[in-house]
Protein backbone atom coordinates (compact mmCIF):
# COMPACT_ATOMS: atom_id res chain seq x y z
CA MET A 1 -16.52 -8.15 -8.56
CA GLY A 2 -12.90 -7.02 -8.06
CA ARG A 3 -10.53 -8.78 -5.69
CA PHE A 4 -10.61 -5.79 -3.36
CA GLU A 5 -14.33 -4.97 -3.44
CA THR A 6 -14.97 -7.16 -0.40
CA THR A 7 -12.00 -5.74 1.52
CA ALA A 8 -12.34 -1.98 1.00
CA ALA A 9 -14.02 -1.25 4.33
CA THR A 10 -11.37 -3.06 6.41
CA TYR A 11 -8.25 -2.51 4.30
CA ALA A 12 -7.08 0.73 5.92
CA ALA A 13 -7.81 -0.52 9.43
CA ARG A 14 -6.24 -3.97 9.17
CA ARG A 15 -3.37 -3.89 6.68
CA GLU A 16 0.04 -3.16 8.17
CA PRO A 17 -0.03 0.61 8.87
CA TYR A 18 2.18 3.46 7.79
CA PRO A 19 2.82 5.33 11.07
CA ALA A 20 2.79 9.11 11.27
CA ALA A 21 6.56 9.00 11.81
CA PHE A 22 6.96 7.35 8.39
CA PHE A 23 5.39 10.32 6.60
CA ALA A 24 7.27 12.88 8.70
CA THR A 25 10.60 11.10 8.20
CA THR A 26 10.06 10.67 4.46
CA ALA A 27 9.04 14.31 4.03
CA ALA A 28 12.18 15.41 5.89
CA ARG A 29 14.48 13.08 3.94
CA LEU A 30 13.04 14.34 0.65
CA GLY A 31 13.22 17.96 1.72
CA LEU A 32 9.55 18.63 0.99
CA THR A 33 8.60 22.30 1.20
CA GLY A 34 4.80 21.99 1.26
CA ARG A 35 4.51 23.32 -2.29
CA GLU A 36 4.74 19.96 -4.05
CA ALA A 37 2.08 18.17 -6.09
CA LEU A 38 1.57 14.45 -5.40
CA ILE A 39 -0.33 11.75 -7.27
CA ASP A 40 -1.03 8.46 -5.52
CA LEU A 41 -1.45 5.61 -8.00
CA GLY A 42 -3.47 2.60 -6.87
CA THR A 43 -4.56 4.78 -3.96
CA GLY A 44 -6.95 2.18 -2.52
CA PRO A 45 -8.55 3.72 0.58
CA GLY A 46 -6.22 6.71 0.30
CA VAL A 47 -3.76 5.78 3.03
CA LEU A 48 -0.64 7.24 1.38
CA ALA A 49 -2.45 10.26 -0.04
CA LEU A 50 -3.89 11.18 3.35
CA GLY A 51 -0.60 10.50 5.13
CA PHE A 52 1.39 12.82 2.89
CA ALA A 53 -1.35 15.48 2.74
CA PRO A 54 0.18 17.71 5.47
CA TYR A 55 3.46 17.89 3.55
CA VAL A 56 2.31 18.82 0.02
CA ALA A 57 0.09 21.40 -1.67
CA ARG A 58 -1.88 19.27 -4.13
CA ILE A 59 -2.97 15.63 -4.16
CA VAL A 60 -4.66 13.40 -6.74
CA GLY A 61 -5.62 9.78 -6.11
CA VAL A 62 -6.22 7.15 -8.79
CA ASP A 63 -7.64 3.64 -8.40
CA PRO A 64 -9.51 1.16 -10.64
CA GLU A 65 -11.74 -0.28 -7.88
CA PRO A 66 -15.00 1.65 -7.24
CA ALA A 67 -15.31 0.33 -3.68
CA MET A 68 -11.82 1.60 -2.87
CA ILE A 69 -12.62 5.00 -4.39
CA ALA A 70 -15.69 5.23 -2.17
CA GLU A 71 -13.63 4.33 0.90
CA ALA A 72 -10.92 6.87 0.01
CA LYS A 73 -13.54 9.60 -0.37
CA ARG A 74 -15.06 8.64 2.99
CA ALA A 75 -11.65 8.74 4.68
CA ALA A 76 -10.79 12.09 3.09
CA ALA A 77 -14.08 13.59 4.24
CA GLU A 78 -13.49 12.24 7.74
CA ALA A 79 -10.08 13.94 7.74
CA GLY A 80 -11.62 17.20 6.51
CA LEU A 81 -9.77 17.04 3.19
CA THR A 82 -10.99 17.43 -0.37
CA PHE A 83 -8.94 16.26 -3.36
CA PRO A 84 -9.67 14.53 -6.67
CA ILE A 85 -9.93 10.75 -6.38
CA VAL A 86 -10.22 9.39 -9.91
CA LEU A 87 -11.61 6.04 -11.00
CA GLY A 88 -9.22 4.52 -13.52
CA ARG A 89 -5.98 2.70 -14.17
CA ALA A 90 -2.68 4.33 -13.34
CA GLU A 91 -1.34 3.54 -16.80
CA GLU A 92 -4.10 5.68 -18.34
CA VAL A 93 -3.29 8.92 -16.51
CA GLY A 94 -2.77 11.52 -19.21
CA ALA A 95 -0.86 14.77 -19.51
CA GLU A 96 -4.11 16.67 -18.86
CA SER A 97 -3.78 15.74 -15.18
CA GLY A 98 -0.70 17.94 -14.96
CA SER A 99 2.76 17.17 -13.67
CA PHE A 100 3.69 15.95 -10.21
CA ASP A 101 6.73 16.30 -8.01
CA LEU A 102 5.93 13.04 -6.24
CA VAL A 103 4.38 9.84 -7.54
CA THR A 104 3.51 7.39 -4.79
CA ILE A 105 2.64 3.72 -5.34
CA GLY A 106 1.87 1.49 -2.39
CA ARG A 107 1.18 -2.25 -2.62
CA ALA A 108 0.04 -1.78 -6.21
CA LEU A 109 3.05 -1.88 -8.54
CA HIS A 110 2.55 -5.60 -9.26
CA TRP A 111 -0.90 -4.82 -10.74
CA MET A 112 0.51 -2.34 -13.26
CA GLU A 113 1.64 -3.15 -16.79
CA ARG A 114 5.30 -2.21 -16.97
CA GLU A 115 5.65 -0.51 -20.37
CA PRO A 116 2.40 1.51 -20.21
CA MET A 117 3.24 2.45 -16.63
CA LEU A 118 6.70 3.69 -17.55
CA ALA A 119 5.18 5.79 -20.33
CA ALA A 120 2.66 7.22 -17.87
CA LEU A 121 5.42 8.11 -15.41
CA ASP A 122 7.25 9.94 -18.18
CA ARG A 123 4.08 11.97 -18.78
CA MET A 124 3.28 12.83 -15.18
CA LEU A 125 6.63 13.25 -13.40
CA ALA A 126 7.87 16.84 -13.19
CA THR A 127 11.51 17.69 -13.76
CA GLY A 128 13.37 16.69 -10.62
CA GLY A 129 10.37 14.66 -9.45
CA ARG A 130 10.61 11.43 -7.51
CA ILE A 131 8.77 8.11 -7.45
CA LEU A 132 8.09 6.48 -4.09
CA ILE A 133 7.35 2.75 -4.01
CA CYS A 134 5.94 2.22 -0.53
CA GLY A 135 5.08 -0.77 1.59
CA ALA A 136 4.56 -1.87 5.17
CA ARG A 137 5.02 -5.38 6.51
CA MET A 138 5.11 -7.42 9.67
CA SER A 139 8.64 -7.55 11.00
CA GLU A 140 10.32 -10.93 11.09
CA ALA A 141 10.80 -10.25 14.81
CA ASN A 142 7.13 -11.01 15.41
CA PRO A 143 7.06 -14.64 16.65
CA TRP A 144 3.79 -15.45 14.87
CA ARG A 145 4.89 -14.15 11.45
CA GLN A 146 6.06 -17.51 10.11
CA ALA A 147 2.79 -19.19 11.10
CA PHE A 148 0.78 -16.39 9.48
CA GLU A 149 2.78 -16.54 6.26
CA ARG A 150 2.75 -20.34 6.12
CA VAL A 151 -1.04 -20.49 6.16
CA THR A 152 -1.64 -17.54 3.83
CA ARG A 153 0.90 -18.84 1.30
CA ALA A 154 -0.68 -22.30 1.35
CA TRP A 155 -4.07 -20.83 0.48
CA SER A 156 -2.80 -18.27 -2.02
CA GLY A 157 -0.29 -20.33 -3.98
CA GLY A 158 2.52 -18.01 -2.89
CA GLY A 159 1.25 -15.12 -4.99
CA GLU A 160 1.66 -12.54 -2.25
CA SER A 161 5.36 -13.24 -1.72
CA ARG A 162 6.07 -13.04 -5.46
CA HIS A 163 4.74 -9.49 -5.51
CA ARG A 164 6.70 -8.05 -2.64
CA ARG A 165 9.99 -7.12 -4.27
CA ILE A 166 8.87 -6.32 -7.80
CA HIS A 167 10.22 -2.77 -7.38
CA GLU A 168 13.78 -4.14 -7.43
CA HIS A 169 13.68 -4.74 -11.17
CA PHE A 170 10.70 -2.71 -12.40
CA PHE A 171 12.95 0.19 -13.42
CA ASP A 172 15.84 -1.86 -14.82
CA GLY A 173 17.04 -0.47 -18.15
CA THR A 174 15.07 2.77 -17.74
CA ARG A 175 16.08 6.32 -16.94
CA TYR A 176 14.86 5.90 -13.37
CA ALA A 177 17.42 4.97 -10.72
CA PRO A 178 17.16 4.31 -6.97
CA VAL A 179 18.24 7.31 -4.91
CA ALA A 180 17.14 6.46 -1.36
CA ALA A 181 15.54 3.84 0.86
CA ILE A 182 13.63 4.97 3.93
CA GLU A 183 12.44 2.68 6.72
CA VAL A 184 10.50 3.47 9.90
CA ALA A 185 9.38 0.83 12.40
CA CYS A 186 6.46 1.14 14.77
CA ARG A 187 4.65 -0.95 17.37
CA GLN A 188 0.94 -1.51 17.73
CA PRO A 189 -1.36 -3.88 19.63
CA ILE A 190 -2.61 -6.84 17.57
CA ASP A 191 -4.72 -9.91 18.24
CA VAL A 192 -5.79 -13.02 16.34
CA LYS A 193 -9.04 -11.48 15.10
CA ALA A 194 -7.21 -8.51 13.59
CA LEU A 195 -4.62 -10.74 11.92
CA VAL A 196 -7.31 -12.90 10.36
CA GLN A 197 -9.04 -9.78 9.07
CA ARG A 198 -5.69 -8.60 7.69
CA ALA A 199 -5.27 -11.83 5.77
CA LEU A 200 -8.69 -11.27 4.19
CA THR A 201 -7.54 -7.89 2.83
CA ARG A 202 -4.84 -9.53 0.73
CA SER A 203 -5.66 -9.93 -2.93
CA THR A 204 -4.77 -13.62 -2.87
CA THR A 205 -6.86 -14.46 0.21
CA SER A 206 -9.72 -11.98 -0.06
CA PRO A 207 -13.31 -13.21 0.38
CA ALA A 208 -13.84 -12.61 -3.34
CA VAL A 209 -11.04 -15.07 -4.15
CA LEU A 210 -11.69 -17.64 -1.40
CA GLY A 211 -15.45 -17.78 -1.88
CA GLU A 212 -16.93 -20.74 0.00
CA ARG A 213 -13.46 -21.66 1.32
CA ALA A 214 -13.22 -18.48 3.41
CA GLU A 215 -14.50 -20.00 6.66
CA ALA A 216 -12.10 -22.94 6.44
CA PHE A 217 -9.21 -20.55 5.75
CA LYS A 218 -10.09 -18.39 8.76
CA ALA A 219 -10.37 -21.42 11.02
CA GLU A 220 -6.96 -22.75 9.95
CA LEU A 221 -5.32 -19.37 10.43
CA ARG A 222 -6.87 -18.90 13.88
CA THR A 223 -5.58 -22.33 14.92
CA ALA A 224 -2.06 -21.55 13.65
CA LEU A 225 -1.94 -18.21 15.48
CA ALA A 226 -3.51 -19.32 18.77
CA PRO A 227 -0.26 -20.55 20.43
CA TYR A 228 1.23 -17.05 20.16
CA PHE A 229 -1.70 -15.23 21.76
CA GLY A 230 -3.41 -15.74 25.07
CA ASP A 231 -6.49 -13.78 25.99
CA ALA A 232 -4.63 -10.50 25.52
CA ALA A 233 -3.34 -8.62 22.51
CA GLN A 234 0.37 -8.66 21.72
CA GLN A 235 2.66 -5.86 20.54
CA GLU A 236 3.34 -6.11 16.82
CA ILE A 237 6.38 -4.59 15.10
CA VAL A 238 5.60 -3.17 11.65
CA GLU A 239 8.21 -1.88 9.19
CA ALA A 240 7.11 0.85 6.77
CA ARG A 241 9.36 1.52 3.81
CA ALA A 242 9.75 3.83 0.81
CA TRP A 243 12.07 3.08 -2.06
CA VAL A 244 12.77 6.34 -3.89
CA PHE A 245 13.52 6.55 -7.61
CA ALA A 246 14.37 9.55 -9.76
CA ALA A 247 15.32 10.21 -13.37
CA ALA A 248 19.06 9.78 -13.81
């Protein structure tokens, strides 16, 4: 069982979202014409692929987790879209898949082997193409963020925080250089139940990893979050970001 097999059904609903404004702003900043081809590596439930779909002509999704592939196909069908969603590792994408103007990677770069991934990017990125490393996170302005992170780090050994800024050095010494950073903030209602479910979608605190400890983890997290929530939901600030790289 993969780390994400037990989280596929709730991942898209509970992880920090990419708002519609993020995709519109990114498309405008990049000057997308609607003729581009995009490949989403580590597509998971297809959140980035589906979000960018209105702004490009062709999409391919790739993910190594069968449960995530199934969820991405379900979400695409629900949105009335059809595009290839391939089971496999991003590093194994070959030239037969064609070239792409945009390569998107969201919350997955830390799972990829650097040298094989760089070789794969050389194969798939079209001339003038760009790589988007995307992420969304709870803003530090949310008063419960420190409590949430304190508990999840204690149960995960800090693995989640080590993964967050891997993009800063992934392309060091390569032909790819940063060319833009795009950030869009949004607000959404959130409650303790949703935050606990979000924690369970993380690779380091998924049910597959926690096993029999899952109930104790959920209880500790609910206790830590309770002082910040009454009987009503609160407004959460989420920051969605894209770091853009291109061949120098």
